[in-house]
Amino acid sequence: MQWEVEPSSNQPVLYVGETLLMTVTVRDARLGDTSTGEPRAQALIHALQAALERYHQDR
């Protein structure tokens, strides 16, 4: 799982492998108490990875 800034929109996008998962918008950033999408993208990646690890442990 990784993120990068999409050049055409200048917004972070999250990928799982080569599959686009989501674009992190300004509204998403505000939900994470940040003014830009990059910190929110990193926080979302961390949260998703932790959730997947918990899922695999619980199975």
N, C-alpha and C. Protein backbone atom coordinates (compact mmCIF):
# COMPACT_ATOMS: atom_id res chain seq x y z
N MET A 1 0.85 -1.16 0.00
CA MET A 1 0.00 0.00 0.00
C MET A 1 0.90 1.23 0.00
N GLN A 2 0.60 2.18 -0.87
CA GLN A 2 1.40 3.38 -0.95
C GLN A 2 0.54 4.55 -1.42
N TRP A 3 1.10 5.75 -1.33
CA TRP A 3 0.39 6.92 -1.82
C TRP A 3 1.37 7.78 -2.60
N GLU A 4 0.83 8.59 -3.49
CA GLU A 4 1.61 9.56 -4.24
C GLU A 4 0.71 10.71 -4.62
N VAL A 5 1.31 11.84 -4.94
CA VAL A 5 0.52 13.01 -5.34
C VAL A 5 0.23 12.88 -6.84
N GLU A 6 -1.04 12.94 -7.18
CA GLU A 6 -1.48 12.87 -8.57
C GLU A 6 -1.17 14.21 -9.24
N PRO A 7 -0.34 14.22 -10.27
CA PRO A 7 0.07 15.49 -10.89
C PRO A 7 -1.08 16.34 -11.43
N SER A 8 -2.09 15.71 -12.00
CA SER A 8 -3.16 16.51 -12.62
C SER A 8 -4.05 17.20 -11.59
N SER A 9 -4.24 16.59 -10.42
CA SER A 9 -5.11 17.18 -9.41
C SER A 9 -4.33 17.76 -8.23
N ASN A 10 -3.06 17.42 -8.13
CA ASN A 10 -2.20 17.83 -7.02
C ASN A 10 -2.76 17.34 -5.68
N GLN A 11 -3.44 16.18 -5.70
CA GLN A 11 -3.98 15.57 -4.49
C GLN A 11 -3.36 14.18 -4.31
N PRO A 12 -3.17 13.76 -3.05
CA PRO A 12 -2.64 12.42 -2.82
C PRO A 12 -3.65 11.35 -3.22
N VAL A 13 -3.15 10.28 -3.79
CA VAL A 13 -3.97 9.12 -4.10
C VAL A 13 -3.34 7.90 -3.44
N LEU A 14 -4.20 7.01 -2.93
CA LEU A 14 -3.74 5.78 -2.28
C LEU A 14 -3.90 4.62 -3.23
N TYR A 15 -2.88 3.77 -3.26
CA TYR A 15 -2.88 2.59 -4.11
C TYR A 15 -2.67 1.35 -3.28
N VAL A 16 -3.33 0.28 -3.67
CA VAL A 16 -3.06 -1.06 -3.15
C VAL A 16 -2.46 -1.80 -4.34
N GLY A 17 -1.17 -2.05 -4.26
CA GLY A 17 -0.49 -2.56 -5.44
C GLY A 17 -0.55 -1.50 -6.52
N GLU A 18 -1.08 -1.87 -7.67
CA GLU A 18 -1.24 -0.90 -8.76
C GLU A 18 -2.68 -0.42 -8.91
N THR A 19 -3.54 -0.82 -7.97
CA THR A 19 -4.95 -0.46 -8.03
C THR A 19 -5.23 0.80 -7.21
N LEU A 20 -5.85 1.78 -7.83
CA LEU A 20 -6.23 3.01 -7.14
C LEU A 20 -7.30 2.71 -6.11
N LEU A 21 -7.05 3.05 -4.87
CA LEU A 21 -8.02 2.85 -3.80
C LEU A 21 -8.87 4.10 -3.59
N MET A 22 -8.22 5.26 -3.46
CA MET A 22 -8.96 6.49 -3.20
C MET A 22 -8.08 7.71 -3.41
N THR A 23 -8.73 8.84 -3.61
CA THR A 23 -8.07 10.14 -3.63
C THR A 23 -8.33 10.81 -2.29
N VAL A 24 -7.30 11.39 -1.70
CA VAL A 24 -7.45 12.11 -0.44
C VAL A 24 -7.72 13.58 -0.77
N THR A 25 -8.91 14.02 -0.44
CA THR A 25 -9.33 15.39 -0.77
C THR A 25 -9.05 16.33 0.40
N VAL A 26 -9.30 17.60 0.17
CA VAL A 26 -9.16 18.61 1.23
C VAL A 26 -10.12 18.28 2.37
N ARG A 27 -11.31 17.82 2.05
CA ARG A 27 -12.28 17.45 3.09
C ARG A 27 -11.76 16.28 3.92
N ASP A 28 -11.13 15.30 3.27
CA ASP A 28 -10.53 14.19 4.00
C ASP A 28 -9.44 14.70 4.94
N ALA A 29 -8.64 15.63 4.45
CA ALA A 29 -7.57 16.20 5.27
C ALA A 29 -8.14 16.88 6.51
N ARG A 30 -9.22 17.62 6.32
CA ARG A 30 -9.84 18.32 7.45
C ARG A 30 -10.38 17.33 8.49
N LEU A 31 -10.87 16.18 8.04
CA LEU A 31 -11.33 15.15 8.98
C LEU A 31 -10.18 14.66 9.85
N GLY A 32 -8.98 14.70 9.29
CA GLY A 32 -7.80 14.28 10.03
C GLY A 32 -7.09 15.41 10.72
N ASP A 33 -7.75 16.55 10.83
CA ASP A 33 -7.19 17.73 11.48
C ASP A 33 -5.90 18.22 10.84
N THR A 34 -5.80 18.10 9.53
CA THR A 34 -4.66 18.66 8.80
C THR A 34 -5.21 19.55 7.69
N SER A 35 -4.37 20.42 7.21
CA SER A 35 -4.82 21.32 6.14
C SER A 35 -4.42 20.82 4.75
N THR A 36 -3.54 19.80 4.71
CA THR A 36 -3.13 19.24 3.43
C THR A 36 -3.37 17.74 3.43
N GLY A 37 -3.42 17.19 2.25
CA GLY A 37 -3.75 15.78 2.12
C GLY A 37 -2.62 14.82 2.43
N GLU A 38 -1.36 15.25 2.32
CA GLU A 38 -0.24 14.33 2.51
C GLU A 38 -0.21 13.69 3.89
N PRO A 39 -0.33 14.47 4.99
CA PRO A 39 -0.35 13.82 6.30
C PRO A 39 -1.55 12.89 6.48
N ARG A 40 -2.68 13.27 5.91
CA ARG A 40 -3.87 12.42 6.00
C ARG A 40 -3.68 11.13 5.21
N ALA A 41 -3.05 11.23 4.04
CA ALA A 41 -2.77 10.03 3.25
C ALA A 41 -1.89 9.06 4.03
N GLN A 42 -0.86 9.57 4.67
CA GLN A 42 0.04 8.73 5.47
C GLN A 42 -0.72 8.11 6.63
N ALA A 43 -1.56 8.86 7.30
CA ALA A 43 -2.34 8.34 8.42
C ALA A 43 -3.32 7.26 7.96
N LEU A 44 -3.94 7.46 6.80
CA LEU A 44 -4.86 6.47 6.27
C LEU A 44 -4.14 5.17 5.91
N ILE A 45 -2.97 5.28 5.30
CA ILE A 45 -2.18 4.09 4.97
C ILE A 45 -1.86 3.32 6.25
N HIS A 46 -1.43 4.03 7.27
CA HIS A 46 -1.09 3.39 8.55
C HIS A 46 -2.32 2.70 9.15
N ALA A 47 -3.45 3.38 9.16
CA ALA A 47 -4.67 2.81 9.74
C ALA A 47 -5.14 1.59 8.95
N LEU A 48 -5.08 1.67 7.63
CA LEU A 48 -5.50 0.53 6.81
C LEU A 48 -4.59 -0.67 7.00
N GLN A 49 -3.28 -0.43 7.06
CA GLN A 49 -2.34 -1.54 7.28
C GLN A 49 -2.58 -2.19 8.64
N ALA A 50 -2.81 -1.38 9.66
CA ALA A 50 -3.08 -1.92 11.00
C ALA A 50 -4.38 -2.73 11.00
N ALA A 51 -5.40 -2.23 10.32
CA ALA A 51 -6.67 -2.96 10.26
C ALA A 51 -6.51 -4.29 9.54
N LEU A 52 -5.74 -4.30 8.47
CA LEU A 52 -5.50 -5.56 7.75
C LEU A 52 -4.72 -6.55 8.60
N GLU A 53 -3.74 -6.07 9.35
CA GLU A 53 -2.99 -6.95 10.24
C GLU A 53 -3.89 -7.55 11.31
N ARG A 54 -4.77 -6.73 11.91
CA ARG A 54 -5.71 -7.23 12.91
C ARG A 54 -6.66 -8.27 12.30
N TYR A 55 -7.11 -8.01 11.09
CA TYR A 55 -7.99 -8.94 10.39
C TYR A 55 -7.32 -10.30 10.22
N HIS A 56 -6.07 -10.28 9.78
CA HIS A 56 -5.35 -11.54 9.56
C HIS A 56 -5.08 -12.27 10.88
N GLN A 57 -4.84 -11.53 11.96
CA GLN A 57 -4.60 -12.15 13.26
C GLN A 57 -5.87 -12.77 13.82
N ASP A 58 -7.01 -12.16 13.55
CA ASP A 58 -8.28 -12.64 14.07
C ASP A 58 -8.83 -13.84 13.30
N ARG A 59 -8.33 -14.08 12.13
CA ARG A 59 -8.83 -15.20 11.32
C ARG A 59 -8.36 -16.51 11.80
